[in-house]
C-alpha cells in the first residue's frame, strides 16, 4: 500500500455531481482499458455522467446514498454508492452499487474508508447483509476478498455489445465487516 492519504469522507449531494462524474468516467477508463471495448470507453462522457448523477443517483427521492472522498484541495478523488439490493434478494438486503477511486489515489486506504461509510449507512437503514458485484476479471476482486466477502453468485452483463461475467461478493453479517474495517482503519491512522 502506498502512503495513506488524508481525505475527508462525507455524504455527497448534487453539487458533487461534476466531481463524481469525473472520477466515474476516468476510473472506468483506467480500470477497464483492455477489458471493455475501446469504443465504449472512448464514448464515455463527463457531461452525460454528470447529468445521470444529478438526475438518477443524487436525487433525494431515490433510495441511494453516495459518499465522496475529498482531498486537501476539496477535489473528489473517489466515491461509493449504496442502497437496497437492486435484485431484491432476500439473502442480501443492501448493496454497494459502485466504488471508484482515481487511479493515482488507489492503494492508500481510501477504498476501505469509503466501504466503512457505506457499511455504516446500510446498517443505519437496518440492513444486516450486503452484496457487491465486480467484473470477473477486475483486480478489485482481491479487495473484496480481503474484506471477507465470499463469492456467492455470478451473472452475465452486456457492455458495449460484448458479454462479461460479474461475481457477486456477499457479506451475511455486516457487524463483522464493520468491526474489521474500523479496526483496520484505526490501526492505519
N, C-alpha and C. Protein backbone atom coordinates (compact mmCIF):
# COMPACT_ATOMS: atom_id res chain seq x y z
N UNK A 1 0.84 -1.18 0.00
CA UNK A 1 0.00 0.00 0.00
C UNK A 1 0.89 1.24 0.00
N UNK A 2 0.48 2.22 -0.79
CA UNK A 2 1.18 3.50 -0.81
C UNK A 2 0.94 4.21 0.50
N UNK A 3 1.64 5.32 0.70
CA UNK A 3 1.46 6.12 1.91
C UNK A 3 0.00 6.53 2.05
N UNK A 4 -0.60 6.30 3.23
CA UNK A 4 -2.00 6.71 3.43
C UNK A 4 -2.18 8.19 3.13
N UNK A 5 -3.32 8.50 2.61
CA UNK A 5 -3.63 9.86 2.21
C UNK A 5 -4.74 10.40 3.11
N UNK A 6 -4.58 11.61 3.57
CA UNK A 6 -5.61 12.23 4.39
C UNK A 6 -6.72 12.73 3.47
N UNK A 7 -7.89 12.17 3.62
CA UNK A 7 -9.06 12.59 2.85
C UNK A 7 -10.24 12.74 3.79
N UNK A 8 -11.17 13.53 3.36
CA UNK A 8 -12.43 13.70 4.08
C UNK A 8 -13.47 12.82 3.40
N UNK A 9 -14.13 11.97 4.16
CA UNK A 9 -15.23 11.16 3.64
C UNK A 9 -16.51 11.82 4.12
N UNK A 10 -17.39 12.15 3.18
CA UNK A 10 -18.64 12.82 3.55
C UNK A 10 -19.75 12.41 2.59
N UNK A 11 -20.97 12.62 3.03
CA UNK A 11 -22.15 12.33 2.19
C UNK A 11 -22.17 13.33 1.04
N UNK A 12 -22.41 12.82 -0.15
CA UNK A 12 -22.44 13.65 -1.36
C UNK A 12 -23.81 14.29 -1.53
N UNK A 13 -23.82 15.40 -2.27
CA UNK A 13 -25.08 15.99 -2.70
C UNK A 13 -24.93 16.41 -4.16
N UNK A 14 -25.95 17.03 -4.72
CA UNK A 14 -25.99 17.34 -6.15
C UNK A 14 -24.81 18.19 -6.60
N UNK A 15 -24.31 19.06 -5.76
CA UNK A 15 -23.17 19.90 -6.17
C UNK A 15 -21.90 19.08 -6.41
N UNK A 16 -21.87 17.85 -5.94
CA UNK A 16 -20.73 16.97 -6.15
C UNK A 16 -20.79 16.22 -7.48
N UNK A 17 -21.88 16.35 -8.21
CA UNK A 17 -22.07 15.58 -9.45
C UNK A 17 -20.91 15.74 -10.44
N UNK A 18 -20.39 16.95 -10.69
CA UNK A 18 -19.27 17.04 -11.64
C UNK A 18 -18.02 16.27 -11.18
N UNK A 19 -17.68 16.36 -9.92
CA UNK A 19 -16.51 15.64 -9.40
C UNK A 19 -16.71 14.14 -9.43
N UNK A 20 -17.90 13.68 -9.05
CA UNK A 20 -18.20 12.25 -9.07
C UNK A 20 -18.15 11.74 -10.51
N UNK A 21 -18.73 12.50 -11.44
CA UNK A 21 -18.72 12.10 -12.85
C UNK A 21 -17.30 11.97 -13.38
N UNK A 22 -16.43 12.90 -13.00
CA UNK A 22 -15.03 12.83 -13.45
C UNK A 22 -14.37 11.56 -12.92
N UNK A 23 -14.54 11.28 -11.63
CA UNK A 23 -13.96 10.08 -11.06
C UNK A 23 -14.54 8.83 -11.73
N UNK A 24 -15.85 8.82 -11.94
CA UNK A 24 -16.51 7.66 -12.52
C UNK A 24 -15.96 7.36 -13.91
N UNK A 25 -15.96 8.36 -14.78
CA UNK A 25 -15.51 8.17 -16.16
C UNK A 25 -14.01 7.86 -16.21
N UNK A 26 -13.20 8.67 -15.51
CA UNK A 26 -11.75 8.48 -15.57
C UNK A 26 -11.32 7.13 -14.99
N UNK A 27 -11.95 6.71 -13.89
CA UNK A 27 -11.55 5.43 -13.30
C UNK A 27 -12.07 4.26 -14.12
N UNK A 28 -13.23 4.41 -14.76
CA UNK A 28 -13.69 3.35 -15.66
C UNK A 28 -12.71 3.18 -16.82
N UNK A 29 -12.26 4.30 -17.37
CA UNK A 29 -11.32 4.22 -18.49
C UNK A 29 -10.01 3.56 -18.09
N UNK A 30 -9.50 3.87 -16.91
CA UNK A 30 -8.23 3.27 -16.49
C UNK A 30 -8.40 1.82 -16.03
N UNK A 31 -9.48 1.53 -15.33
CA UNK A 31 -9.71 0.19 -14.81
C UNK A 31 -10.05 -0.81 -15.90
N UNK A 32 -10.88 -0.40 -16.85
CA UNK A 32 -11.41 -1.35 -17.83
C UNK A 32 -10.72 -1.27 -19.19
N UNK A 33 -9.61 -0.52 -19.28
CA UNK A 33 -8.84 -0.48 -20.52
C UNK A 33 -8.33 -1.88 -20.83
N UNK A 34 -8.57 -2.33 -22.05
CA UNK A 34 -8.17 -3.68 -22.43
C UNK A 34 -9.19 -4.74 -22.03
N UNK A 35 -10.22 -4.34 -21.33
CA UNK A 35 -11.29 -5.27 -20.94
C UNK A 35 -12.56 -4.92 -21.70
N UNK A 36 -13.10 -3.74 -21.44
CA UNK A 36 -14.27 -3.27 -22.19
C UNK A 36 -13.83 -2.80 -23.57
N UNK A 37 -14.74 -2.81 -24.54
CA UNK A 37 -14.38 -2.35 -25.89
C UNK A 37 -13.86 -0.90 -25.86
N UNK A 38 -12.82 -0.64 -26.64
CA UNK A 38 -12.22 0.70 -26.70
C UNK A 38 -13.26 1.77 -27.05
N UNK A 39 -14.15 1.45 -28.00
CA UNK A 39 -15.16 2.43 -28.42
C UNK A 39 -16.09 2.79 -27.26
N UNK A 40 -16.47 1.79 -26.47
CA UNK A 40 -17.33 2.05 -25.32
C UNK A 40 -16.66 3.02 -24.36
N UNK A 41 -15.38 2.77 -24.06
CA UNK A 41 -14.65 3.63 -23.12
C UNK A 41 -14.45 5.03 -23.68
N UNK A 42 -14.14 5.14 -24.96
CA UNK A 42 -13.92 6.48 -25.54
C UNK A 42 -15.22 7.26 -25.64
N UNK A 43 -16.35 6.56 -25.72
CA UNK A 43 -17.65 7.24 -25.80
C UNK A 43 -18.16 7.73 -24.44
N UNK A 44 -17.52 7.31 -23.35
CA UNK A 44 -17.94 7.81 -22.04
C UNK A 44 -17.77 9.32 -21.99
N UNK A 45 -18.71 9.99 -21.37
CA UNK A 45 -18.71 11.45 -21.36
C UNK A 45 -18.87 11.97 -19.93
N UNK A 46 -18.01 12.91 -19.56
CA UNK A 46 -18.15 13.55 -18.25
C UNK A 46 -19.49 14.26 -18.13
N UNK A 47 -19.93 14.94 -19.20
CA UNK A 47 -21.20 15.68 -19.15
C UNK A 47 -22.39 14.74 -18.99
N UNK A 48 -22.42 13.65 -19.77
CA UNK A 48 -23.53 12.69 -19.63
C UNK A 48 -23.51 12.03 -18.26
N UNK A 49 -22.32 11.71 -17.76
CA UNK A 49 -22.22 11.10 -16.43
C UNK A 49 -22.70 12.09 -15.36
N UNK A 50 -22.30 13.35 -15.48
CA UNK A 50 -22.75 14.36 -14.51
C UNK A 50 -24.26 14.45 -14.50
N UNK A 51 -24.87 14.49 -15.69
CA UNK A 51 -26.33 14.58 -15.78
C UNK A 51 -26.98 13.36 -15.12
N UNK A 52 -26.43 12.18 -15.37
CA UNK A 52 -27.01 10.97 -14.78
C UNK A 52 -26.89 11.00 -13.26
N UNK A 53 -25.75 11.47 -12.76
CA UNK A 53 -25.60 11.56 -11.30
C UNK A 53 -26.59 12.56 -10.73
N UNK A 54 -26.78 13.68 -11.40
CA UNK A 54 -27.72 14.70 -10.89
C UNK A 54 -29.15 14.20 -10.89
N UNK A 55 -29.56 13.49 -11.95
CA UNK A 55 -30.96 13.12 -12.10
C UNK A 55 -31.31 11.75 -11.52
N UNK A 56 -30.35 10.85 -11.47
CA UNK A 56 -30.65 9.49 -11.00
C UNK A 56 -30.13 9.21 -9.61
N UNK A 57 -28.82 9.30 -9.44
CA UNK A 57 -28.20 8.80 -8.21
C UNK A 57 -28.22 9.78 -7.04
N UNK A 58 -28.14 11.08 -7.30
CA UNK A 58 -28.10 12.05 -6.21
C UNK A 58 -29.45 12.70 -5.95
N UNK A 59 -30.47 12.28 -6.66
CA UNK A 59 -31.82 12.78 -6.45
C UNK A 59 -32.31 12.31 -5.08
N UNK A 60 -32.76 13.24 -4.26
CA UNK A 60 -33.18 12.92 -2.89
C UNK A 60 -34.34 11.92 -2.85
N UNK A 61 -35.10 11.82 -3.95
CA UNK A 61 -36.24 10.89 -3.97
C UNK A 61 -35.80 9.44 -4.17
N UNK A 62 -34.56 9.26 -4.61
CA UNK A 62 -34.04 7.91 -4.82
C UNK A 62 -33.57 7.35 -3.48
N UNK A 63 -33.45 6.05 -3.42
CA UNK A 63 -33.06 5.41 -2.16
C UNK A 63 -31.59 5.00 -2.19
N UNK A 64 -30.73 5.89 -2.72
CA UNK A 64 -29.30 5.64 -2.76
C UNK A 64 -28.61 6.61 -1.80
N UNK A 65 -27.46 6.21 -1.33
CA UNK A 65 -26.58 7.11 -0.57
C UNK A 65 -25.23 7.07 -1.25
N UNK A 66 -24.67 8.24 -1.48
CA UNK A 66 -23.35 8.34 -2.09
C UNK A 66 -22.45 9.10 -1.13
N UNK A 67 -21.24 8.57 -0.97
CA UNK A 67 -20.22 9.21 -0.14
C UNK A 67 -19.02 9.49 -1.03
N UNK A 68 -18.41 10.64 -0.82
CA UNK A 68 -17.22 11.01 -1.59
C UNK A 68 -16.01 11.08 -0.68
N UNK A 69 -14.85 10.86 -1.30
CA UNK A 69 -13.56 11.09 -0.66
C UNK A 69 -13.02 12.37 -1.30
N UNK A 70 -12.73 13.35 -0.45
CA UNK A 70 -12.28 14.67 -0.89
C UNK A 70 -10.85 14.86 -0.43
N UNK A 71 -9.96 15.29 -1.33
CA UNK A 71 -8.57 15.53 -0.92
C UNK A 71 -8.43 16.93 -0.32
N UNK A 72 -7.20 17.31 0.03
CA UNK A 72 -6.95 18.60 0.69
C UNK A 72 -7.41 19.80 -0.13
N UNK A 73 -7.49 19.66 -1.46
CA UNK A 73 -7.93 20.77 -2.31
C UNK A 73 -9.44 20.75 -2.53
N UNK A 74 -10.13 19.86 -1.84
CA UNK A 74 -11.58 19.68 -1.92
C UNK A 74 -12.01 19.07 -3.25
N UNK A 75 -11.09 18.40 -3.94
CA UNK A 75 -11.42 17.68 -5.17
C UNK A 75 -11.90 16.27 -4.80
N UNK A 76 -12.93 15.81 -5.50
CA UNK A 76 -13.42 14.45 -5.30
C UNK A 76 -12.42 13.49 -5.95
N UNK A 77 -11.91 12.54 -5.16
CA UNK A 77 -10.95 11.56 -5.67
C UNK A 77 -11.50 10.13 -5.65
N UNK A 78 -12.68 9.96 -5.07
CA UNK A 78 -13.31 8.64 -5.02
C UNK A 78 -14.73 8.76 -4.51
N UNK A 79 -15.51 7.71 -4.73
CA UNK A 79 -16.88 7.69 -4.22
C UNK A 79 -17.36 6.26 -4.07
N UNK A 80 -18.39 6.11 -3.27
CA UNK A 80 -19.09 4.84 -3.13
C UNK A 80 -20.58 5.16 -3.14
N UNK A 81 -21.36 4.29 -3.76
CA UNK A 81 -22.81 4.44 -3.77
C UNK A 81 -23.42 3.13 -3.25
N UNK A 82 -24.40 3.26 -2.37
CA UNK A 82 -25.01 2.08 -1.76
C UNK A 82 -26.51 2.28 -1.62
N UNK A 83 -27.20 1.19 -1.39
CA UNK A 83 -28.65 1.23 -1.21
C UNK A 83 -29.19 -0.17 -1.03
N UNK A 84 -30.49 -0.28 -1.18
CA UNK A 84 -31.14 -1.59 -1.09
C UNK A 84 -30.66 -2.44 -2.26
N UNK A 85 -30.51 -3.74 -2.03
CA UNK A 85 -30.12 -4.67 -3.09
C UNK A 85 -31.08 -4.52 -4.27
N UNK A 86 -30.54 -4.20 -5.43
CA UNK A 86 -31.37 -3.95 -6.61
C UNK A 86 -32.07 -5.19 -7.13
N UNK A 87 -31.56 -6.38 -6.77
CA UNK A 87 -32.20 -7.63 -7.21
C UNK A 87 -33.29 -8.08 -6.25
N UNK A 88 -33.46 -7.36 -5.14
CA UNK A 88 -34.44 -7.73 -4.10
C UNK A 88 -34.26 -9.17 -3.64
N UNK A 89 -33.01 -9.55 -3.46
CA UNK A 89 -32.66 -10.88 -2.99
C UNK A 89 -32.86 -10.92 -1.47
N UNK A 90 -33.57 -11.89 -1.00
CA UNK A 90 -33.84 -11.98 0.44
C UNK A 90 -32.57 -12.26 1.24
N UNK A 91 -31.53 -12.80 0.58
CA UNK A 91 -30.29 -13.14 1.29
C UNK A 91 -29.47 -11.90 1.59
N UNK A 92 -29.40 -10.96 0.66
CA UNK A 92 -28.57 -9.76 0.81
C UNK A 92 -29.46 -8.53 0.70
N UNK A 93 -29.64 -7.84 1.81
CA UNK A 93 -30.57 -6.71 1.86
C UNK A 93 -29.98 -5.46 1.22
N UNK A 94 -28.69 -5.20 1.46
CA UNK A 94 -28.05 -4.00 0.95
C UNK A 94 -27.11 -4.32 -0.20
N UNK A 95 -26.68 -3.25 -0.88
CA UNK A 95 -25.76 -3.42 -2.00
C UNK A 95 -24.82 -2.23 -2.08
N UNK A 96 -23.55 -2.49 -2.28
CA UNK A 96 -22.62 -1.45 -2.70
C UNK A 96 -22.68 -1.48 -4.21
N UNK A 97 -23.26 -0.45 -4.79
CA UNK A 97 -23.55 -0.41 -6.22
C UNK A 97 -22.30 -0.04 -7.01
N UNK A 98 -21.44 0.73 -6.41
CA UNK A 98 -20.20 1.10 -7.09
C UNK A 98 -19.23 1.75 -6.13
N UNK A 99 -17.95 1.48 -6.33
CA UNK A 99 -16.89 2.10 -5.56
C UNK A 99 -15.77 2.39 -6.57
N UNK A 100 -15.50 3.68 -6.78
CA UNK A 100 -14.50 4.10 -7.76
C UNK A 100 -13.55 5.10 -7.13
N UNK A 101 -12.28 4.93 -7.44
CA UNK A 101 -11.23 5.83 -6.94
C UNK A 101 -10.30 6.12 -8.10
N UNK A 102 -9.90 7.39 -8.23
CA UNK A 102 -8.95 7.74 -9.28
C UNK A 102 -7.71 6.85 -9.17
N UNK A 103 -7.16 6.46 -10.30
CA UNK A 103 -6.05 5.50 -10.32
C UNK A 103 -4.87 5.95 -9.47
N UNK A 104 -4.50 7.22 -9.52
CA UNK A 104 -3.34 7.69 -8.75
C UNK A 104 -3.62 7.80 -7.26
N UNK A 105 -4.85 7.57 -6.84
CA UNK A 105 -5.21 7.64 -5.43
C UNK A 105 -5.49 6.26 -4.83
N UNK A 106 -5.40 5.23 -5.65
CA UNK A 106 -5.69 3.88 -5.18
C UNK A 106 -4.54 3.36 -4.31
N UNK A 107 -4.88 2.37 -3.49
CA UNK A 107 -3.94 1.69 -2.58
C UNK A 107 -3.41 2.63 -1.50
N UNK A 108 -4.28 3.52 -1.03
CA UNK A 108 -3.93 4.46 0.05
C UNK A 108 -4.94 4.42 1.19
N UNK A 109 -5.78 3.40 1.21
CA UNK A 109 -6.76 3.26 2.28
C UNK A 109 -8.08 3.95 2.03
N UNK A 110 -8.21 4.64 0.89
CA UNK A 110 -9.45 5.36 0.60
C UNK A 110 -10.61 4.40 0.39
N UNK A 111 -10.36 3.29 -0.30
CA UNK A 111 -11.42 2.32 -0.55
C UNK A 111 -12.00 1.76 0.74
N UNK A 112 -11.14 1.46 1.70
CA UNK A 112 -11.63 0.95 2.98
C UNK A 112 -12.46 2.00 3.71
N UNK A 113 -12.03 3.24 3.65
CA UNK A 113 -12.77 4.30 4.33
C UNK A 113 -14.13 4.53 3.65
N UNK A 114 -14.18 4.44 2.33
CA UNK A 114 -15.45 4.56 1.63
C UNK A 114 -16.36 3.37 1.94
N UNK A 115 -15.78 2.18 1.99
CA UNK A 115 -16.57 0.99 2.36
C UNK A 115 -17.13 1.14 3.77
N UNK A 116 -16.34 1.67 4.69
CA UNK A 116 -16.83 1.89 6.05
C UNK A 116 -18.04 2.81 6.04
N UNK A 117 -17.98 3.88 5.28
CA UNK A 117 -19.12 4.81 5.19
C UNK A 117 -20.35 4.09 4.65
N UNK A 118 -20.17 3.27 3.61
CA UNK A 118 -21.29 2.54 3.02
C UNK A 118 -21.87 1.53 4.01
N UNK A 119 -21.01 0.78 4.69
CA UNK A 119 -21.49 -0.22 5.64
C UNK A 119 -22.26 0.45 6.78
N UNK A 120 -21.74 1.56 7.29
CA UNK A 120 -22.45 2.28 8.36
C UNK A 120 -23.81 2.76 7.86
N UNK A 121 -23.86 3.27 6.63
CA UNK A 121 -25.12 3.74 6.07
C UNK A 121 -26.12 2.58 5.96
N UNK A 122 -25.68 1.47 5.43
CA UNK A 122 -26.57 0.32 5.29
C UNK A 122 -27.05 -0.18 6.65
N UNK A 123 -26.14 -0.24 7.62
CA UNK A 123 -26.53 -0.65 8.98
C UNK A 123 -27.56 0.31 9.56
N UNK A 124 -27.36 1.62 9.35
CA UNK A 124 -28.31 2.61 9.87
C UNK A 124 -29.70 2.46 9.25
N UNK A 125 -29.76 1.89 8.07
CA UNK A 125 -31.05 1.65 7.41
C UNK A 125 -31.66 0.33 7.84
N UNK A 126 -30.95 -0.42 8.68
CA UNK A 126 -31.46 -1.70 9.15
C UNK A 126 -31.06 -2.89 8.30
N UNK A 127 -30.13 -2.70 7.36
CA UNK A 127 -29.66 -3.80 6.53
C UNK A 127 -28.54 -4.53 7.26
N UNK A 128 -28.66 -5.83 7.38
CA UNK A 128 -27.67 -6.63 8.10
C UNK A 128 -26.73 -7.39 7.17
N UNK A 129 -27.00 -7.33 5.87
CA UNK A 129 -26.19 -8.07 4.90
C UNK A 129 -26.05 -7.21 3.65
N UNK A 130 -25.06 -7.59 2.81
CA UNK A 130 -24.87 -6.81 1.59
C UNK A 130 -24.15 -7.62 0.53
N UNK A 131 -24.29 -7.14 -0.70
CA UNK A 131 -23.61 -7.74 -1.84
C UNK A 131 -22.98 -6.62 -2.66
N UNK A 132 -21.91 -6.96 -3.36
CA UNK A 132 -21.30 -6.04 -4.33
C UNK A 132 -20.97 -6.87 -5.56
N UNK A 133 -21.25 -6.32 -6.74
CA UNK A 133 -20.97 -7.01 -8.00
C UNK A 133 -19.70 -6.45 -8.59
N UNK A 134 -18.80 -7.35 -9.03
CA UNK A 134 -17.50 -6.97 -9.57
C UNK A 134 -17.27 -7.76 -10.85
N UNK A 135 -16.76 -7.08 -11.86
CA UNK A 135 -16.42 -7.76 -13.10
C UNK A 135 -15.44 -8.90 -12.79
N UNK A 136 -15.68 -10.06 -13.37
CA UNK A 136 -14.89 -11.26 -13.03
C UNK A 136 -13.39 -11.06 -13.25
N UNK A 137 -13.00 -10.26 -14.24
CA UNK A 137 -11.57 -10.07 -14.48
C UNK A 137 -11.09 -8.69 -14.00
N UNK A 138 -11.76 -8.15 -13.00
CA UNK A 138 -11.36 -6.89 -12.39
C UNK A 138 -10.50 -7.22 -11.16
N UNK A 139 -9.34 -6.60 -11.09
CA UNK A 139 -8.43 -6.85 -9.97
C UNK A 139 -9.04 -6.48 -8.62
N UNK A 140 -10.10 -5.67 -8.60
CA UNK A 140 -10.75 -5.27 -7.34
C UNK A 140 -11.34 -6.46 -6.60
N UNK A 141 -11.48 -7.60 -7.25
CA UNK A 141 -11.99 -8.79 -6.55
C UNK A 141 -11.15 -9.08 -5.31
N UNK A 142 -9.83 -8.88 -5.41
CA UNK A 142 -8.95 -9.14 -4.26
C UNK A 142 -9.31 -8.24 -3.09
N UNK A 143 -9.66 -6.98 -3.36
CA UNK A 143 -10.03 -6.04 -2.31
C UNK A 143 -11.22 -6.59 -1.51
N UNK A 144 -12.26 -7.04 -2.21
CA UNK A 144 -13.45 -7.53 -1.54
C UNK A 144 -13.19 -8.86 -0.82
N UNK A 145 -12.34 -9.70 -1.37
CA UNK A 145 -11.97 -10.95 -0.69
C UNK A 145 -11.23 -10.65 0.60
N UNK A 146 -10.31 -9.67 0.55
CA UNK A 146 -9.55 -9.31 1.76
C UNK A 146 -10.47 -8.76 2.85
N UNK A 147 -11.59 -8.17 2.44
CA UNK A 147 -12.55 -7.65 3.41
C UNK A 147 -13.50 -8.73 3.91
N UNK A 148 -13.29 -9.97 3.47
CA UNK A 148 -14.11 -11.07 3.95
C UNK A 148 -15.31 -11.40 3.09
N UNK A 149 -15.43 -10.76 1.94
CA UNK A 149 -16.54 -11.07 1.04
C UNK A 149 -16.35 -12.45 0.44
N UNK A 150 -17.45 -13.18 0.35
CA UNK A 150 -17.43 -14.50 -0.26
C UNK A 150 -18.11 -14.42 -1.61
N UNK A 151 -17.49 -15.02 -2.63
CA UNK A 151 -18.14 -15.05 -3.93
C UNK A 151 -19.35 -15.98 -3.83
N UNK A 152 -20.54 -15.40 -4.02
CA UNK A 152 -21.76 -16.16 -3.80
C UNK A 152 -22.62 -16.31 -5.05
N UNK A 153 -22.34 -15.50 -6.07
CA UNK A 153 -23.16 -15.54 -7.28
C UNK A 153 -22.32 -15.12 -8.48
N UNK A 154 -22.82 -15.43 -9.66
CA UNK A 154 -22.27 -14.90 -10.91
C UNK A 154 -23.45 -14.52 -11.80
N UNK A 155 -23.18 -13.61 -12.71
CA UNK A 155 -24.20 -13.24 -13.70
C UNK A 155 -23.50 -12.69 -14.93
N UNK A 156 -24.23 -12.65 -16.02
CA UNK A 156 -23.72 -12.09 -17.26
C UNK A 156 -24.28 -10.69 -17.45
N UNK A 157 -23.44 -9.79 -17.97
CA UNK A 157 -23.88 -8.45 -18.33
C UNK A 157 -23.36 -8.17 -19.74
N UNK A 158 -23.96 -7.20 -20.40
CA UNK A 158 -23.52 -6.80 -21.73
C UNK A 158 -23.07 -5.35 -21.64
N UNK A 159 -21.84 -5.09 -22.07
CA UNK A 159 -21.27 -3.74 -22.09
C UNK A 159 -20.64 -3.53 -23.46
N UNK A 160 -21.06 -2.47 -24.14
CA UNK A 160 -20.51 -2.17 -25.45
C UNK A 160 -20.72 -3.28 -26.45
N UNK A 161 -21.82 -4.01 -26.31
CA UNK A 161 -22.13 -5.09 -27.23
C UNK A 161 -21.42 -6.40 -26.95
N UNK A 162 -20.61 -6.46 -25.90
CA UNK A 162 -19.90 -7.68 -25.53
C UNK A 162 -20.42 -8.20 -24.20
N UNK A 163 -20.39 -9.51 -24.05
CA UNK A 163 -20.86 -10.13 -22.81
C UNK A 163 -19.69 -10.32 -21.84
N UNK A 164 -19.97 -10.05 -20.56
CA UNK A 164 -18.97 -10.19 -19.50
C UNK A 164 -19.61 -10.89 -18.31
N UNK A 165 -18.76 -11.50 -17.49
CA UNK A 165 -19.22 -12.14 -16.26
C UNK A 165 -18.92 -11.24 -15.07
N UNK A 166 -19.88 -11.16 -14.17
CA UNK A 166 -19.69 -10.46 -12.90
C UNK A 166 -19.78 -11.48 -11.77
N UNK A 167 -19.03 -11.19 -10.71
CA UNK A 167 -19.07 -12.01 -9.50
C UNK A 167 -19.73 -11.19 -8.39
N UNK A 168 -20.63 -11.82 -7.68
CA UNK A 168 -21.25 -11.18 -6.53
C UNK A 168 -20.55 -11.61 -5.26
N UNK A 169 -19.98 -10.65 -4.54
CA UNK A 169 -19.34 -10.92 -3.25
C UNK A 169 -20.32 -10.50 -2.16
N UNK A 170 -20.60 -11.42 -1.24
CA UNK A 170 -21.59 -11.16 -0.22
C UNK A 170 -21.05 -11.23 1.19
N UNK A 171 -21.70 -10.47 2.05
CA UNK A 171 -21.46 -10.49 3.49
C UNK A 171 -22.81 -10.71 4.14
N UNK A 172 -22.97 -11.83 4.86
CA UNK A 172 -24.24 -12.11 5.53
C UNK A 172 -24.33 -11.42 6.88
N UNK A 173 -23.19 -10.91 7.38
CA UNK A 173 -23.17 -10.26 8.68
C UNK A 173 -22.35 -8.96 8.57
N UNK A 174 -23.03 -7.84 8.48
CA UNK A 174 -22.33 -6.56 8.35
C UNK A 174 -21.64 -6.14 9.64
N UNK A 175 -22.07 -6.69 10.78
CA UNK A 175 -21.41 -6.33 12.04
C UNK A 175 -19.94 -6.72 12.02
N UNK A 176 -19.63 -7.91 11.52
CA UNK A 176 -18.23 -8.34 11.49
C UNK A 176 -17.42 -7.51 10.49
N UNK A 177 -18.01 -7.15 9.36
CA UNK A 177 -17.31 -6.29 8.39
C UNK A 177 -17.08 -4.91 8.98
N UNK A 178 -18.06 -4.38 9.66
CA UNK A 178 -17.93 -3.05 10.29
C UNK A 178 -16.79 -3.07 11.32
N UNK A 179 -16.76 -4.07 12.17
CA UNK A 179 -15.71 -4.19 13.18
C UNK A 179 -14.34 -4.30 12.53
N UNK A 180 -14.23 -5.13 11.52
CA UNK A 180 -12.96 -5.33 10.82
C UNK A 180 -12.48 -4.03 10.16
N UNK A 181 -13.37 -3.32 9.49
CA UNK A 181 -13.00 -2.06 8.85
C UNK A 181 -12.56 -1.02 9.88
N UNK A 182 -13.31 -0.89 10.96
CA UNK A 182 -12.96 0.08 11.99
C UNK A 182 -11.60 -0.23 12.60
N UNK A 183 -11.33 -1.51 12.84
CA UNK A 183 -10.04 -1.92 13.39
C UNK A 183 -8.91 -1.62 12.40
N UNK A 184 -9.08 -1.99 11.15
CA UNK A 184 -8.06 -1.79 10.13
C UNK A 184 -7.78 -0.30 9.91
N UNK A 185 -8.82 0.48 9.80
CA UNK A 185 -8.66 1.92 9.54
C UNK A 185 -8.04 2.60 10.77
N UNK A 186 -8.48 2.19 11.96
CA UNK A 186 -7.92 2.76 13.17
C UNK A 186 -6.43 2.48 13.32
N UNK A 187 -6.00 1.30 12.91
CA UNK A 187 -4.59 0.91 13.01
C UNK A 187 -3.71 1.59 11.96
N UNK A 188 -4.32 2.08 10.88
CA UNK A 188 -3.53 2.67 9.81
C UNK A 188 -3.42 4.19 9.93
N UNK A 189 -4.08 4.75 10.91
CA UNK A 189 -4.09 6.21 11.02
C UNK A 189 -3.08 6.68 12.05
